Amino acid sequence: MKNKGRLLLIIILAIIFVWSGQRSVNQLLAQQNIKTARKSVQQADWITAQQAYQKAQARVPSVESRTSLEQLDLLIAGDKAAEAGNLTVMKQDYQRALRVNGGMRRINQRIQAKLQQNDAEAERSKASSATQKKRTSKTALAKKHPAASDKTETADWSQASSNNLATPSANLADAYQFSNADIETARAELARTYPNAENYDDMNIKKVMAMSLLNKTSITEAYQAGGWNQMRSY
């Protein structure tokens, strides 16, 4: 009888020993899981943190693991919404995670940092979009109203052929066969030195061009001479 009692005691002690050992192992592993989870939270790696907290909760249930998992579910859903292009839903999920009762401080800090980062990126994106829109508008305007430097590339007006007018009374503006492109090119060239030339009508521009070719001078020299403004023949 005594031997049976001793055997039963040994069995009970062995069970207690095994149970205690297993409990100690679980506690050790759970602590390692929590360390991994906390590190992942600092890196905003919600999925890895979630997996680590799930293991810790399965081994040794705790308030930290349970509350963290509740917050992480919302954060992971928020990131999925952001990947789908729905930043509004993402922001709502993040804010809901902040309002979880007893939310973990380290998780809340990372949530706030991520929200601030997203707001800053949204502002930069908005500013970039406005800048791009402004550039596009300028480009469209430039195509509609080419600058003087662009117009000079459209034609070489100095190569315009003469009408060979023989009558002394011929209008100086008709001395050469200037095309519209020739006139615009000459006006742009002249306007680089004399901006008011932009306001001259085609007739006056052609007179300056003709004076330049007849006297074999630059268009600015012909303009400076001023004779084109009074002459009606050549």
Protein backbone atom coordinates (compact mmCIF):
# COMPACT_ATOMS: atom_id res chain seq x y z
CA MET A 1 0.00 0.00 0.00
CA LYS A 2 2.83 2.30 0.90
CA ASN A 3 4.53 1.55 -2.42
CA LYS A 4 1.37 2.46 -4.31
CA GLY A 5 1.13 5.75 -2.39
CA ARG A 6 4.72 6.59 -3.19
CA LEU A 7 4.21 5.79 -6.88
CA LEU A 8 1.13 8.01 -7.03
CA LEU A 9 3.05 10.85 -5.37
CA ILE A 10 5.88 10.50 -7.87
CA ILE A 11 3.43 10.61 -10.76
CA ILE A 12 1.75 13.74 -9.37
CA LEU A 13 5.10 15.44 -8.82
CA ALA A 14 6.18 14.53 -12.34
CA ILE A 15 3.00 16.02 -13.79
CA ILE A 16 3.51 19.20 -11.79
CA PHE A 17 7.12 19.37 -12.92
CA VAL A 18 6.22 18.92 -16.59
CA TRP A 19 3.38 21.43 -16.33
CA SER A 20 5.64 24.00 -14.64
CA GLY A 21 8.36 23.44 -17.20
CA GLN A 22 5.93 23.82 -20.08
CA ARG A 23 4.50 26.98 -18.50
CA SER A 24 7.99 28.44 -18.14
CA VAL A 25 8.81 27.61 -21.76
CA ASN A 26 5.57 29.20 -22.96
CA GLN A 27 6.22 32.34 -20.93
CA LEU A 28 9.73 32.59 -22.35
CA LEU A 29 8.52 32.10 -25.93
CA ALA A 30 5.66 34.55 -25.41
CA GLN A 31 8.09 37.21 -24.22
CA GLN A 32 10.22 36.66 -27.32
CA ASN A 33 7.12 36.98 -29.51
CA ILE A 34 6.16 40.23 -27.78
CA LYS A 35 9.65 41.65 -28.29
CA THR A 36 9.40 40.81 -31.99
CA ALA A 37 5.95 42.39 -32.15
CA ARG A 38 7.09 45.60 -30.46
CA LYS A 39 10.05 45.90 -32.80
CA SER A 40 7.76 45.43 -35.81
CA VAL A 41 5.41 48.11 -34.48
CA GLN A 42 8.30 50.59 -34.39
CA GLN A 43 8.87 49.84 -38.08
CA ALA A 44 5.14 50.13 -38.84
CA ASP A 45 5.24 46.50 -40.03
CA TRP A 46 1.71 45.73 -38.90
CA ILE A 47 1.47 42.23 -40.37
CA THR A 48 4.64 40.91 -38.69
CA ALA A 49 3.56 42.52 -35.43
CA GLN A 50 0.14 40.90 -35.72
CA GLN A 51 1.62 37.44 -36.29
CA ALA A 52 3.97 37.80 -33.32
CA TYR A 53 1.20 38.98 -30.98
CA GLN A 54 -1.03 36.10 -32.10
CA LYS A 55 1.68 33.60 -31.10
CA ALA A 56 2.21 35.35 -27.78
CA GLN A 57 -1.54 35.39 -27.05
CA ALA A 58 -1.83 31.69 -27.87
CA ARG A 59 0.98 30.85 -25.45
CA VAL A 60 0.28 33.26 -22.60
CA PRO A 61 -2.81 35.49 -22.97
CA SER A 62 -2.25 39.13 -21.97
CA VAL A 63 -3.94 42.52 -22.17
CA GLU A 64 -1.12 43.87 -24.36
CA SER A 65 -1.49 41.13 -26.96
CA ARG A 66 -5.28 41.29 -27.02
CA THR A 67 -5.46 45.10 -27.31
CA SER A 68 -2.62 45.28 -29.83
CA LEU A 69 -4.31 42.69 -32.05
CA GLU A 70 -7.51 44.77 -32.03
CA GLN A 71 -5.59 47.85 -33.16
CA LEU A 72 -3.50 45.97 -35.71
CA ASP A 73 -6.60 44.54 -37.42
CA LEU A 74 -7.72 48.12 -38.14
CA LEU A 75 -4.27 49.27 -39.25
CA ILE A 76 -3.86 46.39 -41.70
CA ALA A 77 -7.30 47.13 -43.14
CA GLY A 78 -6.28 50.78 -43.47
CA ASP A 79 -3.12 49.90 -45.38
CA LYS A 80 -5.11 47.69 -47.77
CA ALA A 81 -7.47 50.62 -48.41
CA ALA A 82 -4.49 52.88 -49.12
CA GLU A 83 -3.08 50.34 -51.60
CA ALA A 84 -6.45 50.41 -53.37
CA GLY A 85 -6.16 54.19 -53.61
CA ASN A 86 -8.77 54.96 -50.95
CA LEU A 87 -6.82 57.23 -48.59
CA THR A 88 -10.00 58.46 -46.90
CA VAL A 89 -10.90 54.95 -45.66
CA MET A 90 -7.28 54.39 -44.65
CA LYS A 91 -7.34 57.52 -42.50
CA GLN A 92 -10.64 56.48 -40.92
CA ASP A 93 -9.29 53.03 -40.01
CA TYR A 94 -6.15 54.57 -38.49
CA GLN A 95 -8.23 56.97 -36.40
CA ARG A 96 -10.45 54.10 -35.23
CA ALA A 97 -7.32 52.24 -34.13
CA LEU A 98 -6.33 55.31 -32.10
CA ARG A 99 -9.69 55.21 -30.31
CA VAL A 100 -9.43 51.56 -29.23
CA ASN A 101 -9.99 51.43 -25.48
CA GLY A 102 -6.66 51.10 -23.69
CA GLY A 103 -4.69 51.28 -26.94
CA MET A 104 -0.97 50.63 -26.66
CA ARG A 105 1.14 53.80 -26.40
CA ARG A 106 3.82 52.64 -28.82
CA ILE A 107 1.18 51.72 -31.41
CA ASN A 108 -0.62 55.05 -30.96
CA GLN A 109 2.65 56.92 -31.47
CA ARG A 110 3.32 55.11 -34.74
CA ILE A 111 -0.26 55.72 -35.90
CA GLN A 112 0.07 59.46 -35.28
CA ALA A 113 3.45 59.54 -37.06
CA LYS A 114 2.00 57.72 -40.07
CA LEU A 115 -1.00 60.04 -40.24
CA GLN A 116 1.27 63.10 -40.16
CA GLN A 117 3.47 61.54 -42.87
CA ASN A 118 0.45 60.84 -45.07
CA ASP A 119 -0.86 64.38 -44.59
CA ALA A 120 2.55 65.80 -45.58
CA GLU A 121 2.69 63.57 -48.66
CA ALA A 122 -0.83 64.64 -49.62
CA GLU A 123 0.18 68.30 -49.37
CA ARG A 124 3.29 67.69 -51.49
CA SER A 125 1.21 65.84 -54.05
CA LYS A 126 -1.31 68.69 -54.16
CA ALA A 127 1.48 71.26 -54.57
CA SER A 128 3.12 69.16 -57.28
CA SER A 129 -0.19 68.82 -59.11
CA ALA A 130 -0.73 72.58 -58.96
CA THR A 131 2.78 73.22 -60.26
CA GLN A 132 2.31 70.74 -63.10
CA LYS A 133 -1.02 72.32 -63.98
CA LYS A 134 0.62 75.75 -64.04
CA ARG A 135 3.42 74.48 -66.30
CA THR A 136 0.91 72.85 -68.62
CA SER A 137 -1.03 76.11 -68.80
CA LYS A 138 2.16 78.03 -69.60
CA THR A 139 3.11 75.53 -72.29
CA ALA A 140 -0.32 75.79 -73.89
CA LEU A 141 -0.10 79.58 -73.77
CA ALA A 142 3.38 79.53 -75.28
CA LYS A 143 2.12 77.36 -78.16
CA LYS A 144 -0.75 79.74 -78.72
CA HIS A 145 1.42 82.85 -78.49
CA PRO A 146 5.01 81.90 -79.39
CA ALA A 147 7.75 83.97 -77.81
CA ALA A 148 10.00 86.16 -79.93
CA SER A 149 12.87 83.72 -79.61
CA ASP A 150 10.61 80.94 -80.96
CA LYS A 151 9.36 82.95 -83.90
CA THR A 152 12.84 83.50 -85.29
CA GLU A 153 13.06 79.82 -86.12
CA THR A 154 10.02 79.83 -88.41
CA ALA A 155 11.54 81.69 -91.37
CA ASP A 156 14.55 83.59 -92.61
CA TRP A 157 12.91 86.81 -93.82
CA SER A 158 16.21 88.20 -95.10
CA GLN A 159 15.97 85.70 -97.97
CA ALA A 160 12.68 87.15 -99.21
CA SER A 161 12.70 87.78 -102.93
CA SER A 162 12.21 91.22 -104.45
CA ASN A 163 9.13 92.23 -106.41
CA ASN A 164 11.47 94.17 -108.72
CA LEU A 165 9.19 97.17 -108.53
CA ALA A 166 10.19 99.75 -111.08
CA THR A 167 7.86 102.64 -110.34
CA PRO A 168 9.39 105.27 -108.05
CA SER A 169 6.06 105.69 -106.31
CA ALA A 170 5.88 102.06 -105.22
CA ASN A 171 5.13 101.62 -101.55
CA LEU A 172 8.24 100.65 -99.62
CA ALA A 173 6.28 97.90 -97.81
CA ASP A 174 5.68 96.14 -101.14
CA ALA A 175 9.29 96.16 -102.26
CA TYR A 176 9.68 92.49 -101.28
CA GLN A 177 7.48 89.47 -101.22
CA PHE A 178 7.30 89.04 -97.46
CA SER A 179 5.19 86.17 -96.17
CA ASN A 180 3.30 86.26 -92.90
CA ALA A 181 5.97 84.05 -91.34
CA ASP A 182 8.65 86.49 -92.57
CA ILE A 183 6.83 89.39 -90.94
CA GLU A 184 6.38 87.59 -87.62
CA THR A 185 10.03 86.57 -87.59
CA ALA A 186 11.19 90.13 -88.26
CA ARG A 187 8.81 91.55 -85.67
CA ALA A 188 10.14 89.11 -83.04
CA GLU A 189 13.74 89.93 -83.96
CA LEU A 190 13.06 93.65 -83.72
CA ALA A 191 11.05 93.33 -80.49
CA ARG A 192 13.99 91.79 -78.68
CA THR A 193 15.65 95.21 -78.80
CA TYR A 194 12.59 97.44 -79.15
CA PRO A 195 9.61 95.87 -77.32
CA ASN A 196 7.19 98.46 -78.71
CA ALA A 197 7.70 96.89 -82.14
CA GLU A 198 5.22 94.20 -81.03
CA ASN A 199 2.49 96.83 -81.43
CA TYR A 200 3.44 97.80 -85.01
CA ASP A 201 1.13 96.68 -87.79
CA ASP A 202 2.38 94.48 -90.60
CA MET A 203 2.76 97.43 -92.99
CA ASN A 204 5.29 99.21 -90.78
CA ILE A 205 7.20 96.01 -90.05
CA LYS A 206 7.50 95.33 -93.79
CA LYS A 207 8.82 98.88 -94.34
CA VAL A 208 11.60 98.33 -91.78
CA MET A 209 12.40 94.97 -93.37
CA ALA A 210 12.60 96.53 -96.81
CA MET A 211 14.88 99.33 -95.57
CA SER A 212 17.12 96.73 -93.96
CA LEU A 213 17.46 94.77 -97.21
CA LEU A 214 17.78 97.80 -99.47
CA ASN A 215 20.49 99.40 -97.35
CA LYS A 216 22.06 96.05 -96.45
CA THR A 217 21.91 96.76 -92.72
CA SER A 218 20.48 94.90 -89.74
CA ILE A 219 16.81 95.35 -88.98
CA THR A 220 17.63 97.26 -85.80
CA GLU A 221 19.86 99.65 -87.74
CA ALA A 222 17.08 100.19 -90.27
CA TYR A 223 14.69 100.88 -87.42
CA GLN A 224 17.11 103.33 -85.80
CA ALA A 225 17.54 105.22 -89.09
CA GLY A 226 13.80 105.86 -89.09
CA GLY A 227 13.60 106.72 -92.80
CA TRP A 228 11.15 103.89 -93.35
CA ASN A 229 8.53 105.85 -91.43
CA GLN A 230 8.46 108.64 -93.99
CA MET A 231 9.59 106.97 -97.23
CA ARG A 232 6.94 105.63 -99.59
CA SER A 233 9.28 104.67 -102.43
CA TYR A 234 12.80 103.57 -103.05
